[in-house]
């Protein structure tokens, strides 16, 4: 069970990192810092984050001013999931 718990916690940590990296990339784009769209790493991060955030974006509309709270909701859900897994396993 310890191996399963470690793998699940590792997967959750990777998901958290991907979401945070996607947020930083989007901030850089807003700040007009040149972020290469064709870079395979950037595309992989954007694609993976979008796959995780799309269901949340459907459920939560974008707030006034174009603020997207879906990354924050996803991070909160991942932290809750991590705590639940820690108690179960």
N, C-alpha and C. Protein backbone atom coordinates (compact mmCIF):
# COMPACT_ATOMS: atom_id res chain seq x y z
N UNK A 1 0.81 -1.20 0.00
CA UNK A 1 0.00 0.00 0.00
C UNK A 1 0.86 1.26 0.00
N UNK A 2 2.03 1.19 0.59
CA UNK A 2 2.89 2.37 0.65
C UNK A 2 3.33 2.78 -0.75
N UNK A 3 3.57 1.82 -1.61
CA UNK A 3 3.97 2.13 -2.98
C UNK A 3 2.83 2.81 -3.74
N UNK A 4 1.62 2.30 -3.57
CA UNK A 4 0.45 2.89 -4.23
C UNK A 4 0.25 4.32 -3.74
N UNK A 5 0.35 4.52 -2.44
CA UNK A 5 0.20 5.86 -1.88
C UNK A 5 1.27 6.81 -2.44
N UNK A 6 2.49 6.34 -2.51
CA UNK A 6 3.58 7.17 -3.01
C UNK A 6 3.35 7.54 -4.48
N UNK A 7 2.90 6.57 -5.29
CA UNK A 7 2.65 6.84 -6.70
C UNK A 7 1.50 7.83 -6.89
N UNK A 8 0.45 7.68 -6.10
CA UNK A 8 -0.69 8.59 -6.21
C UNK A 8 -0.27 10.00 -5.78
N UNK A 9 0.47 10.11 -4.69
CA UNK A 9 0.93 11.42 -4.25
C UNK A 9 1.88 12.04 -5.27
N UNK A 10 2.69 11.24 -5.91
CA UNK A 10 3.59 11.74 -6.95
C UNK A 10 2.77 12.26 -8.14
N UNK A 11 1.76 11.50 -8.55
CA UNK A 11 0.91 11.93 -9.67
C UNK A 11 0.19 13.24 -9.35
N UNK A 12 -0.29 13.38 -8.13
CA UNK A 12 -0.96 14.61 -7.72
C UNK A 12 0.04 15.76 -7.72
N UNK A 13 1.25 15.52 -7.26
CA UNK A 13 2.28 16.57 -7.27
C UNK A 13 2.61 17.01 -8.69
N UNK A 14 2.67 16.07 -9.61
CA UNK A 14 2.93 16.41 -11.02
C UNK A 14 1.79 17.26 -11.56
N UNK A 15 0.54 16.90 -11.24
CA UNK A 15 -0.60 17.68 -11.69
C UNK A 15 -0.56 19.11 -11.13
N UNK A 16 -0.19 19.23 -9.87
CA UNK A 16 -0.08 20.56 -9.25
C UNK A 16 0.99 21.38 -9.97
N UNK A 17 2.13 20.76 -10.24
CA UNK A 17 3.21 21.45 -10.94
C UNK A 17 2.77 21.90 -12.33
N UNK A 18 2.05 21.05 -13.05
CA UNK A 18 1.60 21.39 -14.40
C UNK A 18 0.65 22.58 -14.35
N UNK A 19 -0.27 22.59 -13.40
CA UNK A 19 -1.22 23.70 -13.30
C UNK A 19 -0.48 24.99 -12.95
N UNK A 20 0.45 24.92 -12.00
CA UNK A 20 1.20 26.13 -11.63
C UNK A 20 2.06 26.63 -12.79
N UNK A 21 2.68 25.72 -13.52
CA UNK A 21 3.48 26.12 -14.67
C UNK A 21 2.60 26.77 -15.74
N UNK A 22 1.42 26.24 -15.95
CA UNK A 22 0.49 26.82 -16.91
C UNK A 22 0.07 28.23 -16.51
N UNK A 23 -0.16 28.42 -15.22
CA UNK A 23 -0.52 29.76 -14.72
C UNK A 23 0.62 30.74 -14.97
N UNK A 24 1.84 30.33 -14.66
CA UNK A 24 2.99 31.22 -14.86
C UNK A 24 3.16 31.54 -16.34
N UNK A 25 2.99 30.55 -17.21
CA UNK A 25 3.10 30.78 -18.65
C UNK A 25 2.04 31.78 -19.11
N UNK A 26 0.81 31.63 -18.60
CA UNK A 26 -0.24 32.56 -19.01
C UNK A 26 0.05 33.97 -18.51
N UNK A 27 0.62 34.10 -17.32
CA UNK A 27 0.99 35.43 -16.82
C UNK A 27 2.08 36.04 -17.69
N UNK A 28 3.03 35.24 -18.11
CA UNK A 28 4.09 35.75 -18.98
C UNK A 28 3.51 36.23 -20.31
N UNK A 29 2.54 35.50 -20.84
CA UNK A 29 1.91 35.91 -22.09
C UNK A 29 1.16 37.23 -21.91
N UNK A 30 0.47 37.38 -20.78
CA UNK A 30 -0.25 38.62 -20.51
C UNK A 30 0.73 39.79 -20.38
N UNK A 31 1.89 39.53 -19.78
CA UNK A 31 2.90 40.57 -19.60
C UNK A 31 3.69 40.81 -20.88
N UNK A 32 3.28 40.15 -21.96
CA UNK A 32 3.90 40.30 -23.27
C UNK A 32 5.36 39.84 -23.31
N UNK A 33 5.68 38.88 -22.46
CA UNK A 33 7.00 38.25 -22.52
C UNK A 33 6.90 37.20 -23.63
N UNK A 34 7.91 37.13 -24.43
CA UNK A 34 7.88 36.22 -25.56
C UNK A 34 7.99 34.77 -25.09
N UNK A 35 6.86 34.06 -25.18
CA UNK A 35 6.81 32.65 -24.83
C UNK A 35 6.62 31.87 -26.13
N UNK A 36 7.56 31.02 -26.50
CA UNK A 36 7.46 30.32 -27.79
C UNK A 36 6.32 29.30 -27.80
N UNK A 37 5.29 29.58 -28.60
CA UNK A 37 4.14 28.68 -28.68
C UNK A 37 4.50 27.32 -29.27
N UNK A 38 5.49 27.29 -30.14
CA UNK A 38 5.86 26.04 -30.79
C UNK A 38 6.72 25.12 -29.95
N UNK A 39 7.19 25.58 -28.80
CA UNK A 39 8.04 24.77 -27.95
C UNK A 39 7.25 23.54 -27.47
N UNK A 40 7.78 22.33 -27.66
CA UNK A 40 7.05 21.12 -27.27
C UNK A 40 6.76 21.05 -25.77
N UNK A 41 7.65 21.58 -24.94
CA UNK A 41 7.42 21.54 -23.49
C UNK A 41 6.25 22.46 -23.13
N UNK A 42 6.23 23.65 -23.71
CA UNK A 42 5.15 24.60 -23.45
C UNK A 42 3.82 24.02 -23.95
N UNK A 43 3.83 23.43 -25.13
CA UNK A 43 2.60 22.83 -25.66
C UNK A 43 2.13 21.67 -24.79
N UNK A 44 3.06 20.86 -24.27
CA UNK A 44 2.68 19.74 -23.41
C UNK A 44 2.08 20.25 -22.10
N UNK A 45 2.68 21.27 -21.52
CA UNK A 45 2.15 21.84 -20.27
C UNK A 45 0.77 22.43 -20.51
N UNK A 46 0.62 23.21 -21.59
CA UNK A 46 -0.68 23.81 -21.91
C UNK A 46 -1.74 22.74 -22.16
N UNK A 47 -1.38 21.72 -22.90
CA UNK A 47 -2.34 20.65 -23.21
C UNK A 47 -2.76 19.87 -21.98
N UNK A 48 -1.80 19.53 -21.14
CA UNK A 48 -2.13 18.77 -19.93
C UNK A 48 -2.95 19.61 -18.96
N UNK A 49 -2.60 20.88 -18.81
CA UNK A 49 -3.35 21.75 -17.91
C UNK A 49 -4.76 21.97 -18.44
N UNK A 50 -4.88 22.16 -19.74
CA UNK A 50 -6.21 22.38 -20.33
C UNK A 50 -7.09 21.15 -20.12
N UNK A 51 -6.53 19.96 -20.24
CA UNK A 51 -7.30 18.74 -20.03
C UNK A 51 -7.81 18.65 -18.59
N UNK A 52 -7.02 19.12 -17.64
CA UNK A 52 -7.45 19.09 -16.23
C UNK A 52 -8.43 20.22 -15.91
N UNK A 53 -8.27 21.36 -16.55
CA UNK A 53 -9.06 22.54 -16.20
C UNK A 53 -10.36 22.66 -16.99
N UNK A 54 -10.46 22.00 -18.12
CA UNK A 54 -11.65 22.13 -18.98
C UNK A 54 -12.95 21.78 -18.24
N UNK A 55 -13.02 20.66 -17.50
CA UNK A 55 -14.28 20.36 -16.80
C UNK A 55 -14.63 21.42 -15.75
N UNK A 56 -13.63 21.96 -15.10
CA UNK A 56 -13.88 22.98 -14.09
C UNK A 56 -14.35 24.27 -14.76
N UNK A 57 -13.77 24.60 -15.89
CA UNK A 57 -14.18 25.81 -16.61
C UNK A 57 -15.61 25.71 -17.10
N UNK A 58 -16.06 24.50 -17.43
CA UNK A 58 -17.45 24.33 -17.84
C UNK A 58 -18.40 24.56 -16.67
N UNK A 59 -17.97 24.17 -15.47
CA UNK A 59 -18.83 24.29 -14.30
C UNK A 59 -18.81 25.68 -13.69
N UNK A 60 -17.67 26.37 -13.78
CA UNK A 60 -17.53 27.69 -13.17
C UNK A 60 -17.32 28.72 -14.28
N UNK A 61 -18.24 29.67 -14.40
CA UNK A 61 -18.05 30.69 -15.44
C UNK A 61 -16.89 31.63 -15.11
N UNK A 62 -16.35 32.26 -16.13
CA UNK A 62 -15.26 33.22 -15.95
C UNK A 62 -15.82 34.45 -15.24
N UNK A 63 -15.10 34.92 -14.23
CA UNK A 63 -15.55 36.08 -13.45
C UNK A 63 -15.38 37.36 -14.25
N UNK A 64 -15.95 38.42 -13.74
CA UNK A 64 -15.83 39.72 -14.40
C UNK A 64 -14.38 40.13 -14.54
N UNK A 65 -14.07 40.78 -15.63
CA UNK A 65 -12.69 41.19 -15.87
C UNK A 65 -11.84 40.10 -16.48
N UNK A 66 -12.46 38.96 -16.83
CA UNK A 66 -11.72 37.89 -17.46
C UNK A 66 -10.90 37.03 -16.51
N UNK A 67 -11.20 37.09 -15.21
CA UNK A 67 -10.45 36.28 -14.25
C UNK A 67 -10.90 34.83 -14.33
N UNK A 68 -9.94 33.94 -14.41
CA UNK A 68 -10.22 32.52 -14.49
C UNK A 68 -9.81 31.87 -13.17
N UNK A 69 -10.79 31.41 -12.41
CA UNK A 69 -10.51 30.81 -11.12
C UNK A 69 -10.35 29.29 -11.20
N UNK A 70 -10.43 28.72 -12.38
CA UNK A 70 -10.35 27.26 -12.50
C UNK A 70 -9.02 26.68 -12.00
N UNK A 71 -7.86 27.34 -12.21
CA UNK A 71 -6.64 26.76 -11.64
C UNK A 71 -6.67 26.72 -10.11
N UNK A 72 -7.23 27.76 -9.49
CA UNK A 72 -7.31 27.77 -8.03
C UNK A 72 -8.23 26.66 -7.53
N UNK A 73 -9.37 26.48 -8.20
CA UNK A 73 -10.30 25.42 -7.82
C UNK A 73 -9.63 24.06 -8.00
N UNK A 74 -8.92 23.88 -9.11
CA UNK A 74 -8.25 22.60 -9.35
C UNK A 74 -7.18 22.32 -8.30
N UNK A 75 -6.42 23.34 -7.92
CA UNK A 75 -5.39 23.14 -6.89
C UNK A 75 -6.02 22.78 -5.54
N UNK A 76 -7.10 23.44 -5.20
CA UNK A 76 -7.80 23.12 -3.94
C UNK A 76 -8.30 21.69 -3.97
N UNK A 77 -8.91 21.29 -5.08
CA UNK A 77 -9.40 19.91 -5.20
C UNK A 77 -8.26 18.90 -5.13
N UNK A 78 -7.13 19.21 -5.74
CA UNK A 78 -5.99 18.29 -5.67
C UNK A 78 -5.43 18.17 -4.25
N UNK A 79 -5.39 19.29 -3.53
CA UNK A 79 -4.92 19.22 -2.14
C UNK A 79 -5.89 18.43 -1.27
N UNK A 80 -7.19 18.60 -1.50
CA UNK A 80 -8.18 17.82 -0.76
C UNK A 80 -8.03 16.33 -1.10
N UNK A 81 -7.87 16.03 -2.38
CA UNK A 81 -7.67 14.64 -2.80
C UNK A 81 -6.43 14.04 -2.16
N UNK A 82 -5.36 14.81 -2.10
CA UNK A 82 -4.12 14.34 -1.47
C UNK A 82 -4.35 13.99 -0.01
N UNK A 83 -5.10 14.83 0.70
CA UNK A 83 -5.37 14.55 2.12
C UNK A 83 -6.25 13.32 2.30
N UNK A 84 -7.22 13.16 1.42
CA UNK A 84 -8.09 11.98 1.49
C UNK A 84 -7.29 10.72 1.23
N UNK A 85 -6.44 10.74 0.23
CA UNK A 85 -5.61 9.57 -0.10
C UNK A 85 -4.67 9.27 1.07
N UNK A 86 -4.13 10.29 1.71
CA UNK A 86 -3.22 10.08 2.83
C UNK A 86 -3.93 9.38 3.99
N UNK A 87 -5.19 9.69 4.19
CA UNK A 87 -5.94 9.06 5.28
C UNK A 87 -6.38 7.65 4.94
N UNK A 88 -6.71 7.42 3.67
CA UNK A 88 -7.19 6.10 3.26
C UNK A 88 -6.04 5.10 3.18
N UNK A 89 -4.96 5.50 2.54
CA UNK A 89 -3.84 4.57 2.32
C UNK A 89 -2.88 4.71 3.44
